[in-house]
Amino acid sequence: MKLWIEESVCKACGHIGYPKTITKGSFLTEVILWLFFLLPGLIYSIWRLTSKEEVCPRCGNATMIPVDTPIGKQLLKENPPNDIKS
């Protein structure tokens, strides 16, 4: 588990910011499985907890990398952020 999230750049769309954590699956399905079937509910809950991933908040791709990595620095160099005021 990460204690902090680093600023990242998306390899797909070039967005610079913090990734969004999403959990696959459906909460409603999880509740229904727990109410009616104990073992499938447990298995589904474990799968949902282990399938979390960080995605780009703009495009939804799981291609965000920290800006302080060599590839992140290269992406920033090739596509500088356009929100810098001159």
N, C-alpha and C. Protein backbone atom coordinates (compact mmCIF):
# COMPACT_ATOMS: atom_id res chain seq x y z
N MET A 1 0.84 -1.18 0.00
CA MET A 1 0.00 0.00 0.00
C MET A 1 0.88 1.24 0.00
N LYS A 2 0.56 2.19 -0.88
CA LYS A 2 1.33 3.41 -0.96
C LYS A 2 0.87 4.40 0.10
N LEU A 3 1.81 5.10 0.70
CA LEU A 3 1.46 6.10 1.69
C LEU A 3 1.15 7.44 1.03
N TRP A 4 1.69 7.67 -0.16
CA TRP A 4 1.41 8.89 -0.91
C TRP A 4 1.43 8.55 -2.39
N ILE A 5 0.79 9.39 -3.15
CA ILE A 5 0.74 9.19 -4.59
C ILE A 5 1.58 10.28 -5.24
N GLU A 6 2.47 9.86 -6.13
CA GLU A 6 3.33 10.82 -6.80
C GLU A 6 2.61 11.43 -8.00
N GLU A 7 3.00 12.67 -8.33
CA GLU A 7 2.47 13.28 -9.53
C GLU A 7 2.94 12.45 -10.71
N SER A 8 2.05 12.22 -11.66
CA SER A 8 2.35 11.30 -12.76
C SER A 8 1.96 11.93 -14.09
N VAL A 9 2.46 11.30 -15.16
CA VAL A 9 2.10 11.70 -16.51
C VAL A 9 1.51 10.48 -17.21
N CYS A 10 0.44 10.71 -17.99
CA CYS A 10 -0.21 9.62 -18.70
C CYS A 10 0.48 9.41 -20.04
N LYS A 11 0.86 8.18 -20.31
CA LYS A 11 1.52 7.86 -21.58
C LYS A 11 0.54 7.92 -22.75
N ALA A 12 -0.75 7.79 -22.49
CA ALA A 12 -1.75 7.77 -23.56
C ALA A 12 -2.18 9.18 -23.98
N CYS A 13 -2.50 10.03 -23.01
CA CYS A 13 -3.05 11.35 -23.36
C CYS A 13 -2.15 12.52 -22.96
N GLY A 14 -1.10 12.26 -22.17
CA GLY A 14 -0.18 13.32 -21.76
C GLY A 14 -0.64 14.12 -20.55
N HIS A 15 -1.73 13.72 -19.92
CA HIS A 15 -2.23 14.43 -18.73
C HIS A 15 -1.21 14.36 -17.61
N ILE A 16 -0.99 15.48 -16.94
CA ILE A 16 -0.07 15.54 -15.80
C ILE A 16 -0.91 15.81 -14.56
N GLY A 17 -0.77 14.94 -13.58
CA GLY A 17 -1.54 15.09 -12.35
C GLY A 17 -1.44 13.83 -11.52
N TYR A 18 -2.42 13.66 -10.67
CA TYR A 18 -2.42 12.51 -9.78
C TYR A 18 -3.39 11.45 -10.31
N PRO A 19 -2.97 10.19 -10.30
CA PRO A 19 -3.86 9.13 -10.80
C PRO A 19 -5.05 8.92 -9.87
N LYS A 20 -6.09 8.35 -10.44
CA LYS A 20 -7.31 8.03 -9.70
C LYS A 20 -7.32 6.53 -9.47
N THR A 21 -7.62 6.09 -8.27
CA THR A 21 -7.69 4.66 -7.96
C THR A 21 -9.11 4.16 -8.21
N ILE A 22 -9.21 3.10 -9.00
CA ILE A 22 -10.51 2.50 -9.26
C ILE A 22 -10.50 1.05 -8.81
N THR A 23 -11.66 0.55 -8.47
CA THR A 23 -11.84 -0.84 -8.09
C THR A 23 -12.71 -1.51 -9.13
N LYS A 24 -12.25 -2.60 -9.69
CA LYS A 24 -13.03 -3.31 -10.70
C LYS A 24 -14.22 -3.99 -10.04
N GLY A 25 -15.20 -4.29 -10.84
CA GLY A 25 -16.37 -4.99 -10.33
C GLY A 25 -17.47 -4.04 -9.88
N SER A 26 -18.47 -4.59 -9.24
CA SER A 26 -19.64 -3.83 -8.83
C SER A 26 -19.91 -4.03 -7.34
N PHE A 27 -20.14 -2.92 -6.65
CA PHE A 27 -20.46 -2.99 -5.24
C PHE A 27 -21.80 -3.70 -5.02
N LEU A 28 -22.75 -3.42 -5.89
CA LEU A 28 -24.07 -4.05 -5.77
C LEU A 28 -23.97 -5.57 -5.92
N THR A 29 -23.17 -6.02 -6.89
CA THR A 29 -22.97 -7.47 -7.06
C THR A 29 -22.33 -8.07 -5.82
N GLU A 30 -21.38 -7.35 -5.25
CA GLU A 30 -20.71 -7.83 -4.04
C GLU A 30 -21.70 -8.00 -2.89
N VAL A 31 -22.57 -7.02 -2.70
CA VAL A 31 -23.56 -7.08 -1.62
C VAL A 31 -24.52 -8.26 -1.84
N ILE A 32 -24.98 -8.42 -3.08
CA ILE A 32 -25.91 -9.52 -3.38
C ILE A 32 -25.26 -10.87 -3.12
N LEU A 33 -24.00 -11.02 -3.55
CA LEU A 33 -23.30 -12.28 -3.31
C LEU A 33 -23.13 -12.55 -1.82
N TRP A 34 -22.83 -11.51 -1.04
CA TRP A 34 -22.68 -11.70 0.40
C TRP A 34 -24.01 -12.08 1.05
N LEU A 35 -25.10 -11.48 0.58
CA LEU A 35 -26.41 -11.75 1.19
C LEU A 35 -26.90 -13.17 0.91
N PHE A 36 -26.63 -13.67 -0.28
CA PHE A 36 -27.18 -14.97 -0.65
C PHE A 36 -26.17 -16.11 -0.64
N PHE A 37 -24.91 -15.81 -0.92
CA PHE A 37 -23.91 -16.87 -1.02
C PHE A 37 -22.64 -16.43 -0.31
N LEU A 38 -22.32 -17.04 0.79
CA LEU A 38 -21.20 -16.62 1.61
C LEU A 38 -19.85 -16.81 0.90
N LEU A 39 -19.58 -17.98 0.39
CA LEU A 39 -18.28 -18.26 -0.24
C LEU A 39 -18.07 -17.44 -1.52
N PRO A 40 -19.02 -17.38 -2.45
CA PRO A 40 -18.81 -16.52 -3.63
C PRO A 40 -18.66 -15.05 -3.26
N GLY A 41 -19.36 -14.61 -2.23
CA GLY A 41 -19.22 -13.23 -1.77
C GLY A 41 -17.82 -12.94 -1.28
N LEU A 42 -17.26 -13.88 -0.53
CA LEU A 42 -15.89 -13.74 -0.03
C LEU A 42 -14.89 -13.72 -1.18
N ILE A 43 -15.04 -14.62 -2.13
CA ILE A 43 -14.14 -14.69 -3.28
C ILE A 43 -14.22 -13.40 -4.10
N TYR A 44 -15.44 -12.92 -4.34
CA TYR A 44 -15.63 -11.69 -5.12
C TYR A 44 -15.03 -10.49 -4.40
N SER A 45 -15.20 -10.42 -3.09
CA SER A 45 -14.62 -9.31 -2.31
C SER A 45 -13.11 -9.32 -2.37
N ILE A 46 -12.51 -10.49 -2.26
CA ILE A 46 -11.05 -10.60 -2.33
C ILE A 46 -10.58 -10.18 -3.72
N TRP A 47 -11.28 -10.61 -4.77
CA TRP A 47 -10.91 -10.22 -6.13
C TRP A 47 -10.99 -8.70 -6.30
N ARG A 48 -12.06 -8.08 -5.78
CA ARG A 48 -12.21 -6.63 -5.91
C ARG A 48 -11.09 -5.89 -5.17
N LEU A 49 -10.72 -6.39 -4.00
CA LEU A 49 -9.66 -5.72 -3.23
C LEU A 49 -8.30 -5.83 -3.90
N THR A 50 -8.07 -6.93 -4.60
CA THR A 50 -6.76 -7.13 -5.24
C THR A 50 -6.71 -6.59 -6.67
N SER A 51 -7.84 -6.14 -7.21
CA SER A 51 -7.85 -5.66 -8.59
C SER A 51 -7.89 -4.14 -8.69
N LYS A 52 -7.55 -3.44 -7.64
CA LYS A 52 -7.51 -1.98 -7.69
C LYS A 52 -6.35 -1.55 -8.57
N GLU A 53 -6.57 -0.48 -9.33
CA GLU A 53 -5.49 0.05 -10.16
C GLU A 53 -5.60 1.55 -10.26
N GLU A 54 -4.47 2.17 -10.54
CA GLU A 54 -4.43 3.62 -10.69
C GLU A 54 -4.56 3.96 -12.17
N VAL A 55 -5.52 4.82 -12.49
CA VAL A 55 -5.78 5.19 -13.88
C VAL A 55 -5.73 6.70 -14.04
N CYS A 56 -5.61 7.12 -15.28
CA CYS A 56 -5.60 8.54 -15.61
C CYS A 56 -7.00 9.11 -15.38
N PRO A 57 -7.12 10.22 -14.65
CA PRO A 57 -8.46 10.78 -14.43
C PRO A 57 -9.07 11.36 -15.70
N ARG A 58 -8.27 11.68 -16.70
CA ARG A 58 -8.79 12.26 -17.93
C ARG A 58 -9.26 11.19 -18.91
N CYS A 59 -8.41 10.19 -19.23
CA CYS A 59 -8.76 9.22 -20.28
C CYS A 59 -9.11 7.84 -19.73
N GLY A 60 -8.79 7.54 -18.47
CA GLY A 60 -9.14 6.26 -17.87
C GLY A 60 -8.17 5.13 -18.15
N ASN A 61 -7.07 5.39 -18.86
CA ASN A 61 -6.08 4.34 -19.14
C ASN A 61 -5.18 4.13 -17.93
N ALA A 62 -4.70 2.91 -17.77
CA ALA A 62 -3.80 2.58 -16.67
C ALA A 62 -2.35 2.75 -17.10
N THR A 63 -2.04 3.89 -17.72
CA THR A 63 -0.71 4.12 -18.27
C THR A 63 -0.02 5.29 -17.60
N MET A 64 -0.37 5.61 -16.37
CA MET A 64 0.27 6.73 -15.67
C MET A 64 1.58 6.27 -15.04
N ILE A 65 2.61 7.09 -15.24
CA ILE A 65 3.92 6.81 -14.66
C ILE A 65 4.42 8.05 -13.93
N PRO A 66 5.18 7.88 -12.86
CA PRO A 66 5.69 9.04 -12.11
C PRO A 66 6.53 9.96 -12.98
N VAL A 67 6.43 11.28 -12.73
CA VAL A 67 7.17 12.24 -13.54
C VAL A 67 8.66 12.22 -13.25
N ASP A 68 9.08 11.64 -12.13
CA ASP A 68 10.51 11.63 -11.81
C ASP A 68 11.24 10.39 -12.32
N THR A 69 10.59 9.58 -13.16
CA THR A 69 11.25 8.44 -13.78
C THR A 69 11.85 8.89 -15.12
N PRO A 70 12.81 8.14 -15.66
CA PRO A 70 13.39 8.53 -16.95
C PRO A 70 12.35 8.68 -18.07
N ILE A 71 11.39 7.75 -18.15
CA ILE A 71 10.36 7.85 -19.18
C ILE A 71 9.44 9.03 -18.91
N GLY A 72 9.11 9.26 -17.65
CA GLY A 72 8.28 10.40 -17.28
C GLY A 72 8.94 11.72 -17.64
N LYS A 73 10.23 11.83 -17.38
CA LYS A 73 10.97 13.05 -17.74
C LYS A 73 11.01 13.24 -19.24
N GLN A 74 11.17 12.14 -19.98
CA GLN A 74 11.19 12.22 -21.44
C GLN A 74 9.82 12.69 -21.97
N LEU A 75 8.74 12.16 -21.42
CA LEU A 75 7.41 12.58 -21.85
C LEU A 75 7.17 14.05 -21.56
N LEU A 76 7.62 14.54 -20.41
CA LEU A 76 7.47 15.95 -20.07
C LEU A 76 8.29 16.83 -21.01
N LYS A 77 9.45 16.34 -21.39
CA LYS A 77 10.31 17.10 -22.30
C LYS A 77 9.68 17.19 -23.69
N GLU A 78 9.10 16.07 -24.16
CA GLU A 78 8.48 16.03 -25.49
C GLU A 78 7.16 16.79 -25.52
N ASN A 79 6.38 16.71 -24.44
CA ASN A 79 5.06 17.37 -24.38
C ASN A 79 4.98 18.20 -23.11
N PRO A 80 5.55 19.41 -23.12
CA PRO A 80 5.50 20.23 -21.91
C PRO A 80 4.06 20.62 -21.58
N PRO A 81 3.76 20.80 -20.30
CA PRO A 81 2.41 21.18 -19.93
C PRO A 81 2.05 22.54 -20.53
N ASN A 82 0.84 22.67 -21.05
CA ASN A 82 0.44 23.91 -21.69
C ASN A 82 -0.29 24.86 -20.76
N ASP A 83 -0.38 24.53 -19.49
CA ASP A 83 -1.07 25.40 -18.55
C ASP A 83 -0.11 26.34 -17.81
N ILE A 84 1.15 26.40 -18.24
CA ILE A 84 2.11 27.30 -17.62
C ILE A 84 1.88 28.71 -18.17
N LYS A 85 1.71 29.67 -17.28
CA LYS A 85 1.43 31.04 -17.69
C LYS A 85 2.73 31.79 -17.89
N SER A 86 2.85 32.48 -19.01
CA SER A 86 4.08 33.23 -19.33
C SER A 86 3.92 34.68 -18.94
